[in-house]
Amino acid sequence: MRLSVAQLRQTIESSIKMRHSDKQIADFIRFVKLSDRLDDQTIDDLQTAGAGPKTVEVLKRLETESASLKEAPPPPPPPGSLPPK
């Protein structure tokens, strides 16, 4: 399955909120192919959001595999924040 970094992030954050286990999330994303580059900041953000060690391990592998891809667009601003002028 091919996902963008934004889609991967949304999937993982949703899975964390639905209280899926670390193993369930890692097993799901293990078969993902990314369409853009995953970076350290995104992995750190997901870990802070609750991604466990198995998920982070798979994310690190995806980071390596996606290193030659185009940079992912920045995530959208949080709801309620003002756009830059």
PDB file of N, CA and C in Angstrom:
ATOM      1  N   MET A   1       0.842  -1.167   0.000  1.00  0.00           N
ATOM      2  CA  MET A   1       0.000   0.000   0.000  1.00  0.00           C
ATOM      3  C   MET A   1       0.892   1.236   0.000  1.00  0.00           C
ATOM      4  N   ARG A   2       0.598   2.182  -0.907  1.00  0.00           N
ATOM      5  CA  ARG A   2       1.385   3.407  -1.004  1.00  0.00           C
ATOM      6  C   ARG A   2       0.640   4.542  -0.298  1.00  0.00           C
ATOM      7  N   LEU A   3       1.361   5.207   0.612  1.00  0.00           N
ATOM      8  CA  LEU A   3       0.797   6.329   1.362  1.00  0.00           C
ATOM      9  C   LEU A   3       1.754   7.505   1.325  1.00  0.00           C
ATOM     10  N   SER A   4       1.210   8.697   1.453  1.00  0.00           N
ATOM     11  CA  SER A   4       2.051   9.878   1.665  1.00  0.00           C
ATOM     12  C   SER A   4       2.414   9.912   3.153  1.00  0.00           C
ATOM     13  N   VAL A   5       3.384  10.723   3.503  1.00  0.00           N
ATOM     14  CA  VAL A   5       3.752  10.876   4.915  1.00  0.00           C
ATOM     15  C   VAL A   5       2.557  11.414   5.701  1.00  0.00           C
ATOM     16  N   ALA A   6       1.800  12.342   5.113  1.00  0.00           N
ATOM     17  CA  ALA A   6       0.629  12.897   5.805  1.00  0.00           C
ATOM     18  C   ALA A   6      -0.404  11.797   6.080  1.00  0.00           C
ATOM     19  N   GLN A   7      -0.629  10.912   5.106  1.00  0.00           N
ATOM     20  CA  GLN A   7      -1.581   9.814   5.298  1.00  0.00           C
ATOM     21  C   GLN A   7      -1.075   8.831   6.356  1.00  0.00           C
ATOM     22  N   LEU A   8       0.233   8.541   6.315  1.00  0.00           N
ATOM     23  CA  LEU A   8       0.819   7.639   7.313  1.00  0.00           C
ATOM     24  C   LEU A   8       0.661   8.233   8.706  1.00  0.00           C
ATOM     25  N   ARG A   9       0.965   9.504   8.828  1.00  0.00           N
ATOM     26  CA  ARG A   9       0.849  10.194  10.122  1.00  0.00           C
ATOM     27  C   ARG A   9      -0.589  10.136  10.641  1.00  0.00           C
ATOM     28  N   GLN A  10      -1.540  10.425   9.763  1.00  0.00           N
ATOM     29  CA  GLN A  10      -2.959  10.404  10.139  1.00  0.00           C
ATOM     30  C   GLN A  10      -3.378   8.999  10.568  1.00  0.00           C
ATOM     31  N   THR A  11      -2.923   7.990   9.845  1.00  0.00           N
ATOM     32  CA  THR A  11      -3.252   6.598  10.172  1.00  0.00           C
ATOM     33  C   THR A  11      -2.723   6.225  11.550  1.00  0.00           C
ATOM     34  N   ILE A  12      -1.474   6.575  11.826  1.00  0.00           N
ATOM     35  CA  ILE A  12      -0.863   6.226  13.110  1.00  0.00           C
ATOM     36  C   ILE A  12      -1.533   6.995  14.246  1.00  0.00           C
ATOM     37  N   GLU A  13      -1.757   8.288  14.066  1.00  0.00           N
ATOM     38  CA  GLU A  13      -2.402   9.081  15.122  1.00  0.00           C
ATOM     39  C   GLU A  13      -3.806   8.565  15.418  1.00  0.00           C
ATOM     40  N   SER A  14      -4.532   8.193  14.372  1.00  0.00           N
ATOM     41  CA  SER A  14      -5.872   7.642  14.544  1.00  0.00           C
ATOM     42  C   SER A  14      -5.818   6.306  15.287  1.00  0.00           C
ATOM     43  N   SER A  15      -4.861   5.467  14.927  1.00  0.00           N
ATOM     44  CA  SER A  15      -4.711   4.162  15.577  1.00  0.00           C
ATOM     45  C   SER A  15      -4.362   4.307  17.056  1.00  0.00           C
ATOM     46  N   ILE A  16      -3.533   5.303  17.373  1.00  0.00           N
ATOM     47  CA  ILE A  16      -3.176   5.564  18.776  1.00  0.00           C
ATOM     48  C   ILE A  16      -4.425   5.995  19.547  1.00  0.00           C
ATOM     49  N   LYS A  17      -5.215   6.891  18.954  1.00  0.00           N
ATOM     50  CA  LYS A  17      -6.438   7.366  19.617  1.00  0.00           C
ATOM     51  C   LYS A  17      -7.443   6.233  19.820  1.00  0.00           C
ATOM     52  N   MET A  18      -7.452   5.273  18.886  1.00  0.00           N
ATOM     53  CA  MET A  18      -8.372   4.139  19.005  1.00  0.00           C
ATOM     54  C   MET A  18      -7.793   3.038  19.894  1.00  0.00           C
ATOM     55  N   ARG A  19      -6.650   3.328  20.493  1.00  0.00           N
ATOM     56  CA  ARG A  19      -5.994   2.437  21.446  1.00  0.00           C
ATOM     57  C   ARG A  19      -5.580   1.090  20.850  1.00  0.00           C
ATOM     58  N   HIS A  20      -5.180   1.119  19.561  1.00  0.00           N
ATOM     59  CA  HIS A  20      -4.601  -0.088  18.975  1.00  0.00           C
ATOM     60  C   HIS A  20      -3.241  -0.322  19.627  1.00  0.00           C
ATOM     61  N   SER A  21      -2.861  -1.573  19.740  1.00  0.00           N
ATOM     62  CA  SER A  21      -1.579  -1.885  20.381  1.00  0.00           C
ATOM     63  C   SER A  21      -0.418  -1.479  19.475  1.00  0.00           C
ATOM     64  N   ASP A  22       0.733  -1.290  20.083  1.00  0.00           N
ATOM     65  CA  ASP A  22       1.956  -0.975  19.348  1.00  0.00           C
ATOM     66  C   ASP A  22       2.198  -2.037  18.276  1.00  0.00           C
ATOM     67  N   LYS A  23       2.013  -3.293  18.623  1.00  0.00           N
ATOM     68  CA  LYS A  23       2.227  -4.393  17.675  1.00  0.00           C
ATOM     69  C   LYS A  23       1.260  -4.303  16.497  1.00  0.00           C
ATOM     70  N   GLN A  24      -0.005  -3.988  16.761  1.00  0.00           N
ATOM     71  CA  GLN A  24      -0.993  -3.870  15.682  1.00  0.00           C
ATOM     72  C   GLN A  24      -0.607  -2.754  14.703  1.00  0.00           C
ATOM     73  N   ILE A  25      -0.200  -1.623  15.250  1.00  0.00           N
ATOM     74  CA  ILE A  25       0.183  -0.493  14.394  1.00  0.00           C
ATOM     75  C   ILE A  25       1.424  -0.839  13.586  1.00  0.00           C
ATOM     76  N   ALA A  26       2.430  -1.393  14.250  1.00  0.00           N
ATOM     77  CA  ALA A  26       3.674  -1.763  13.564  1.00  0.00           C
ATOM     78  C   ALA A  26       3.409  -2.795  12.474  1.00  0.00           C
ATOM     79  N   ASP A  27       2.573  -3.783  12.767  1.00  0.00           N
ATOM     80  CA  ASP A  27       2.263  -4.821  11.774  1.00  0.00           C
ATOM     81  C   ASP A  27       1.562  -4.223  10.556  1.00  0.00           C
ATOM     82  N   PHE A  28       0.707  -3.227  10.777  1.00  0.00           N
ATOM     83  CA  PHE A  28      -0.004  -2.599   9.666  1.00  0.00           C
ATOM     84  C   PHE A  28       0.946  -1.780   8.795  1.00  0.00           C
ATOM     85  N   ILE A  29       1.773  -0.929   9.427  1.00  0.00           N
ATOM     86  CA  ILE A  29       2.617  -0.034   8.627  1.00  0.00           C
ATOM     87  C   ILE A  29       3.841  -0.735   8.043  1.00  0.00           C
ATOM     88  N   ARG A  30       4.102  -1.942   8.486  1.00  0.00           N
ATOM     89  CA  ARG A  30       5.251  -2.702   7.980  1.00  0.00           C
ATOM     90  C   ARG A  30       5.194  -2.861   6.456  1.00  0.00           C
ATOM     91  N   PHE A  31       3.992  -2.895   5.888  1.00  0.00           N
ATOM     92  CA  PHE A  31       3.828  -3.156   4.456  1.00  0.00           C
ATOM     93  C   PHE A  31       3.569  -1.887   3.639  1.00  0.00           C
ATOM     94  N   VAL A  32       3.709  -0.728   4.274  1.00  0.00           N
ATOM     95  CA  VAL A  32       3.484   0.548   3.594  1.00  0.00           C
ATOM     96  C   VAL A  32       4.712   0.911   2.762  1.00  0.00           C
ATOM     97  N   LYS A  33       4.450   1.486   1.590  1.00  0.00           N
ATOM     98  CA  LYS A  33       5.483   2.120   0.770  1.00  0.00           C
ATOM     99  C   LYS A  33       5.127   3.598   0.738  1.00  0.00           C
ATOM    100  N   LEU A  34       6.111   4.448   0.973  1.00  0.00           N
ATOM    101  CA  LEU A  34       5.845   5.885   1.038  1.00  0.00           C
ATOM    102  C   LEU A  34       6.027   6.545  -0.329  1.00  0.00           C
ATOM    103  N   SER A  35       5.238   7.599  -0.571  1.00  0.00           N
ATOM    104  CA  SER A  35       5.342   8.358  -1.814  1.00  0.00           C
ATOM    105  C   SER A  35       6.222   9.593  -1.648  1.00  0.00           C
ATOM    106  N   ASP A  36       6.579   9.917  -0.410  1.00  0.00           N
ATOM    107  CA  ASP A  36       7.506  11.008  -0.140  1.00  0.00           C
ATOM    108  C   ASP A  36       8.367  10.665   1.075  1.00  0.00           C
ATOM    109  N   ARG A  37       9.326  11.525   1.375  1.00  0.00           N
ATOM    110  CA  ARG A  37      10.354  11.233   2.381  1.00  0.00           C
ATOM    111  C   ARG A  37       9.851  11.443   3.806  1.00  0.00           C
ATOM    112  N   LEU A  38      10.093  10.445   4.633  1.00  0.00           N
ATOM    113  CA  LEU A  38       9.793  10.519   6.062  1.00  0.00           C
ATOM    114  C   LEU A  38      11.021  11.075   6.774  1.00  0.00           C
ATOM    115  N   ASP A  39      10.814  12.027   7.687  1.00  0.00           N
ATOM    116  CA  ASP A  39      11.957  12.635   8.379  1.00  0.00           C
ATOM    117  C   ASP A  39      11.925  12.367   9.883  1.00  0.00           C
ATOM    118  N   ASP A  40      13.052  12.668  10.519  1.00  0.00           N
ATOM    119  CA  ASP A  40      13.197  12.452  11.969  1.00  0.00           C
ATOM    120  C   ASP A  40      12.148  13.202  12.772  1.00  0.00           C
ATOM    121  N   GLN A  41      11.836  14.431  12.357  1.00  0.00           N
ATOM    122  CA  GLN A  41      10.876  15.244  13.112  1.00  0.00           C
ATOM    123  C   GLN A  41       9.507  14.580  13.152  1.00  0.00           C
ATOM    124  N   THR A  42       9.083  14.017  12.034  1.00  0.00           N
ATOM    125  CA  THR A  42       7.783  13.345  11.986  1.00  0.00           C
ATOM    126  C   THR A  42       7.787  12.125  12.898  1.00  0.00           C
ATOM    127  N   ILE A  43       8.879  11.373  12.874  1.00  0.00           N
ATOM    128  CA  ILE A  43       8.989  10.198  13.747  1.00  0.00           C
ATOM    129  C   ILE A  43       8.957  10.639  15.211  1.00  0.00           C
ATOM    130  N   ASP A  44       9.696  11.697  15.547  1.00  0.00           N
ATOM    131  CA  ASP A  44       9.686  12.220  16.921  1.00  0.00           C
ATOM    132  C   ASP A  44       8.284  12.665  17.330  1.00  0.00           C
ATOM    133  N   ASP A  45       7.593  13.356  16.412  1.00  0.00           N
ATOM    134  CA  ASP A  45       6.225  13.811  16.703  1.00  0.00           C
ATOM    135  C   ASP A  45       5.297  12.625  16.977  1.00  0.00           C
ATOM    136  N   LEU A  46       5.419  11.572  16.168  1.00  0.00           N
ATOM    137  CA  LEU A  46       4.561  10.395  16.351  1.00  0.00           C
ATOM    138  C   LEU A  46       4.906   9.662  17.649  1.00  0.00           C
ATOM    139  N   GLN A  47       6.180   9.629  17.983  1.00  0.00           N
ATOM    140  CA  GLN A  47       6.584   8.997  19.240  1.00  0.00           C
ATOM    141  C   GLN A  47       6.014   9.790  20.419  1.00  0.00           C
ATOM    142  N   THR A  48       6.065  11.104  20.343  1.00  0.00           N
ATOM    143  CA  THR A  48       5.496  11.954  21.383  1.00  0.00           C
ATOM    144  C   THR A  48       3.988  11.747  21.489  1.00  0.00           C
ATOM    145  N   ALA A  49       3.344  11.499  20.343  1.00  0.00           N
ATOM    146  CA  ALA A  49       1.892  11.291  20.316  1.00  0.00           C
ATOM    147  C   ALA A  49       1.492   9.928  20.867  1.00  0.00           C
ATOM    148  N   GLY A  50       2.481   9.041  21.068  1.00  0.00           N
ATOM    149  CA  GLY A  50       2.164   7.753  21.670  1.00  0.00           C
ATOM    150  C   GLY A  50       2.590   6.527  20.888  1.00  0.00           C
ATOM    151  N   ALA A  51       3.277   6.713  19.750  1.00  0.00           N
ATOM    152  CA  ALA A  51       3.766   5.551  18.997  1.00  0.00           C
ATOM    153  C   ALA A  51       4.787   4.796  19.845  1.00  0.00           C
ATOM    154  N   GLY A  52       4.617   3.490  19.921  1.00  0.00           N
ATOM    155  CA  GLY A  52       5.487   2.657  20.740  1.00  0.00           C
ATOM    156  C   GLY A  52       6.769   2.244  20.032  1.00  0.00           C
ATOM    157  N   PRO A  53       7.628   1.497  20.717  1.00  0.00           N
ATOM    158  CA  PRO A  53       8.938   1.139  20.170  1.00  0.00           C
ATOM    159  C   PRO A  53       8.874   0.285  18.902  1.00  0.00           C
ATOM    160  N   LYS A  54       7.913  -0.599  18.785  1.00  0.00           N
ATOM    161  CA  LYS A  54       7.805  -1.423  17.567  1.00  0.00           C
ATOM    162  C   LYS A  54       7.407  -0.561  16.376  1.00  0.00           C
ATOM    163  N   THR A  55       6.487   0.365  16.607  1.00  0.00           N
ATOM    164  CA  THR A  55       6.066   1.278  15.545  1.00  0.00           C
ATOM    165  C   THR A  55       7.229   2.177  15.145  1.00  0.00           C
ATOM    166  N   VAL A  56       7.954   2.703  16.114  1.00  0.00           N
ATOM    167  CA  VAL A  56       9.095   3.574  15.826  1.00  0.00           C
ATOM    168  C   VAL A  56      10.165   2.810  15.047  1.00  0.00           C
ATOM    169  N   GLU A  57      10.371   1.559  15.374  1.00  0.00           N
ATOM    170  CA  GLU A  57      11.352   0.737  14.650  1.00  0.00           C
ATOM    171  C   GLU A  57      10.966   0.640  13.166  1.00  0.00           C
ATOM    172  N   VAL A  58       9.693   0.403  12.881  1.00  0.00           N
ATOM    173  CA  VAL A  58       9.237   0.323  11.493  1.00  0.00           C
ATOM    174  C   VAL A  58       9.340   1.705  10.832  1.00  0.00           C
ATOM    175  N   LEU A  59       9.020   2.761  11.573  1.00  0.00           N
ATOM    176  CA  LEU A  59       9.140   4.114  11.021  1.00  0.00           C
ATOM    177  C   LEU A  59      10.590   4.426  10.643  1.00  0.00           C
ATOM    178  N   LYS A  60      11.542   3.999  11.450  1.00  0.00           N
ATOM    179  CA  LYS A  60      12.964   4.216  11.141  1.00  0.00           C
ATOM    180  C   LYS A  60      13.343   3.494   9.838  1.00  0.00           C
ATOM    181  N   ARG A  61      12.799   2.282   9.648  1.00  0.00           N
ATOM    182  CA  ARG A  61      13.053   1.544   8.399  1.00  0.00           C
ATOM    183  C   ARG A  61      12.441   2.301   7.211  1.00  0.00           C
ATOM    184  N   LEU A  62      11.227   2.807   7.393  1.00  0.00           N
ATOM    185  CA  LEU A  62      10.578   3.577   6.332  1.00  0.00           C
ATOM    186  C   LEU A  62      11.358   4.856   6.029  1.00  0.00           C
ATOM    187  N   GLU A  63      11.932   5.452   7.056  1.00  0.00           N
ATOM    188  CA  GLU A  63      12.749   6.656   6.854  1.00  0.00           C
ATOM    189  C   GLU A  63      13.934   6.342   5.943  1.00  0.00           C
ATOM    190  N   THR A  64      14.607   5.233   6.204  1.00  0.00           N
ATOM    191  CA  THR A  64      15.746   4.820   5.386  1.00  0.00           C
ATOM    192  C   THR A  64      15.305   4.510   3.956  1.00  0.00           C
ATOM    193  N   GLU A  65      14.217   3.771   3.824  1.00  0.00           N
ATOM    194  CA  GLU A  65      13.723   3.391   2.497  1.00  0.00           C
ATOM    195  C   GLU A  65      13.250   4.593   1.680  1.00  0.00           C
ATOM    196  N   SER A  66      12.782   5.635   2.341  1.00  0.00           N
ATOM    197  CA  SER A  66      12.236   6.793   1.633  1.00  0.00           C
ATOM    198  C   SER A  66      13.247   7.927   1.462  1.00  0.00           C
ATOM    199  N   ALA A  67      14.486   7.714   1.863  1.00  0.00           N
ATOM    200  CA  ALA A  67      15.497   8.783   1.872  1.00  0.00           C
ATOM    201  C   ALA A  67      15.709   9.423   0.498  1.00  0.00           C
ATOM    202  N   SER A  68      15.518   8.683  -0.580  1.00  0.00           N
ATOM    203  CA  SER A  68      15.763   9.233  -1.921  1.00  0.00           C
ATOM    204  C   SER A  68      14.521   9.879  -2.532  1.00  0.00           C
ATOM    205  N   LEU A  69      13.402   9.857  -1.832  1.00  0.00           N
ATOM    206  CA  LEU A  69      12.163  10.432  -2.352  1.00  0.00           C
ATOM    207  C   LEU A  69      12.100  11.933  -2.108  1.00  0.00           C
ATOM    208  N   LYS A  70      11.144  12.588  -2.774  1.00  0.00           N
ATOM    209  CA  LYS A  70      10.974  14.038  -2.579  1.00  0.00           C
ATOM    210  C   LYS A  70      10.542  14.327  -1.146  1.00  0.00           C
ATOM    211  N   GLU A  71      10.874  15.522  -0.696  1.00  0.00           N
ATOM    212  CA  GLU A  71      10.519  15.930   0.673  1.00  0.00           C
ATOM    213  C   GLU A  71       9.005  16.041   0.806  1.00  0.00           C
ATOM    214  N   ALA A  72       8.496  15.592   1.937  1.00  0.00           N
ATOM    215  CA  ALA A  72       7.066  15.684   2.208  1.00  0.00           C
ATOM    216  C   ALA A  72       6.680  17.127   2.457  1.00  0.00           C
ATOM    217  N   PRO A  73       5.481  17.543   2.022  1.00  0.00           N
ATOM    218  CA  PRO A  73       5.043  18.899   2.339  1.00  0.00           C
ATOM    219  C   PRO A  73       4.858  19.056   3.849  1.00  0.00           C
ATOM    220  N   PRO A  74       4.985  20.273   4.363  1.00  0.00           N
ATOM    221  CA  PRO A  74       4.825  20.466   5.811  1.00  0.00           C
ATOM    222  C   PRO A  74       3.405  20.113   6.240  1.00  0.00           C
ATOM    223  N   PRO A  75       3.242  19.638   7.468  1.00  0.00           N
ATOM    224  CA  PRO A  75       1.901  19.322   7.950  1.00  0.00           C
ATOM    225  C   PRO A  75       1.060  20.587   8.051  1.00  0.00           C
ATOM    226  N   PRO A  76      -0.254  20.454   7.928  1.00  0.00           N
ATOM    227  CA  PRO A  76      -1.106  21.642   8.046  1.00  0.00           C
ATOM    228  C   PRO A  76      -1.039  22.202   9.463  1.00  0.00           C
ATOM    229  N   PRO A  77      -1.304  23.505   9.612  1.00  0.00           N
ATOM    230  CA  PRO A  77      -1.278  24.087  10.956  1.00  0.00           C
ATOM    231  C   PRO A  77      -2.402  23.496  11.808  1.00  0.00           C
ATOM    232  N   PRO A  78      -2.221  23.494  13.116  1.00  0.00           N
ATOM    233  CA  PRO A  78      -3.268  22.965  13.990  1.00  0.00           C
ATOM    234  C   PRO A  78      -4.554  23.767  13.841  1.00  0.00           C
ATOM    235  N   PRO A  79      -5.695  23.126  14.027  1.00  0.00           N
ATOM    236  CA  PRO A  79      -6.960  23.847  13.915  1.00  0.00           C
ATOM    237  C   PRO A  79      -7.000  25.036  14.874  1.00  0.00           C
ATOM    238  N   GLY A  80      -7.537  26.139  14.379  1.00  0.00           N
ATOM    239  CA  GLY A  80      -7.660  27.320  15.223  1.00  0.00           C
ATOM    240  C   GLY A  80      -6.466  28.255  15.187  1.00  0.00           C
ATOM    241  N   SER A  81      -5.382  27.835  14.515  1.00  0.00           N
ATOM    242  CA  SER A  81      -4.216  28.729  14.448  1.00  0.00           C
ATOM    243  C   SER A  81      -4.377  29.661  13.243  1.00  0.00           C
ATOM    244  N   LEU A  82      -3.753  30.810  13.323  1.00  0.00           N
ATOM    245  CA  LEU A  82      -3.846  31.796  12.259  1.00  0.00           C
ATOM    246  C   LEU A  82      -2.802  31.506  11.200  1.00  0.00           C
ATOM    247  N   PRO A  83      -3.149  31.681   9.917  1.00  0.00           N
ATOM    248  CA  PRO A  83      -2.153  31.497   8.864  1.00  0.00           C
ATOM    249  C   PRO A  83      -1.107  32.606   8.928  1.00  0.00           C
ATOM    250  N   PRO A  84       0.139  32.325   8.491  1.00  0.00           N
ATOM    251  CA  PRO A  84       1.183  33.361   8.517  1.00  0.00           C
ATOM    252  C   PRO A  84       0.841  34.481   7.532  1.00  0.00           C
ATOM    253  N   LYS A  85       1.265  35.694   7.875  1.00  0.00           N
ATOM    254  CA  LYS A  85       1.005  36.855   6.985  1.00  0.00           C
ATOM    255  C   LYS A  85       2.172  37.107   6.083  1.00  0.00           C
TER     256      LYS A  85
END
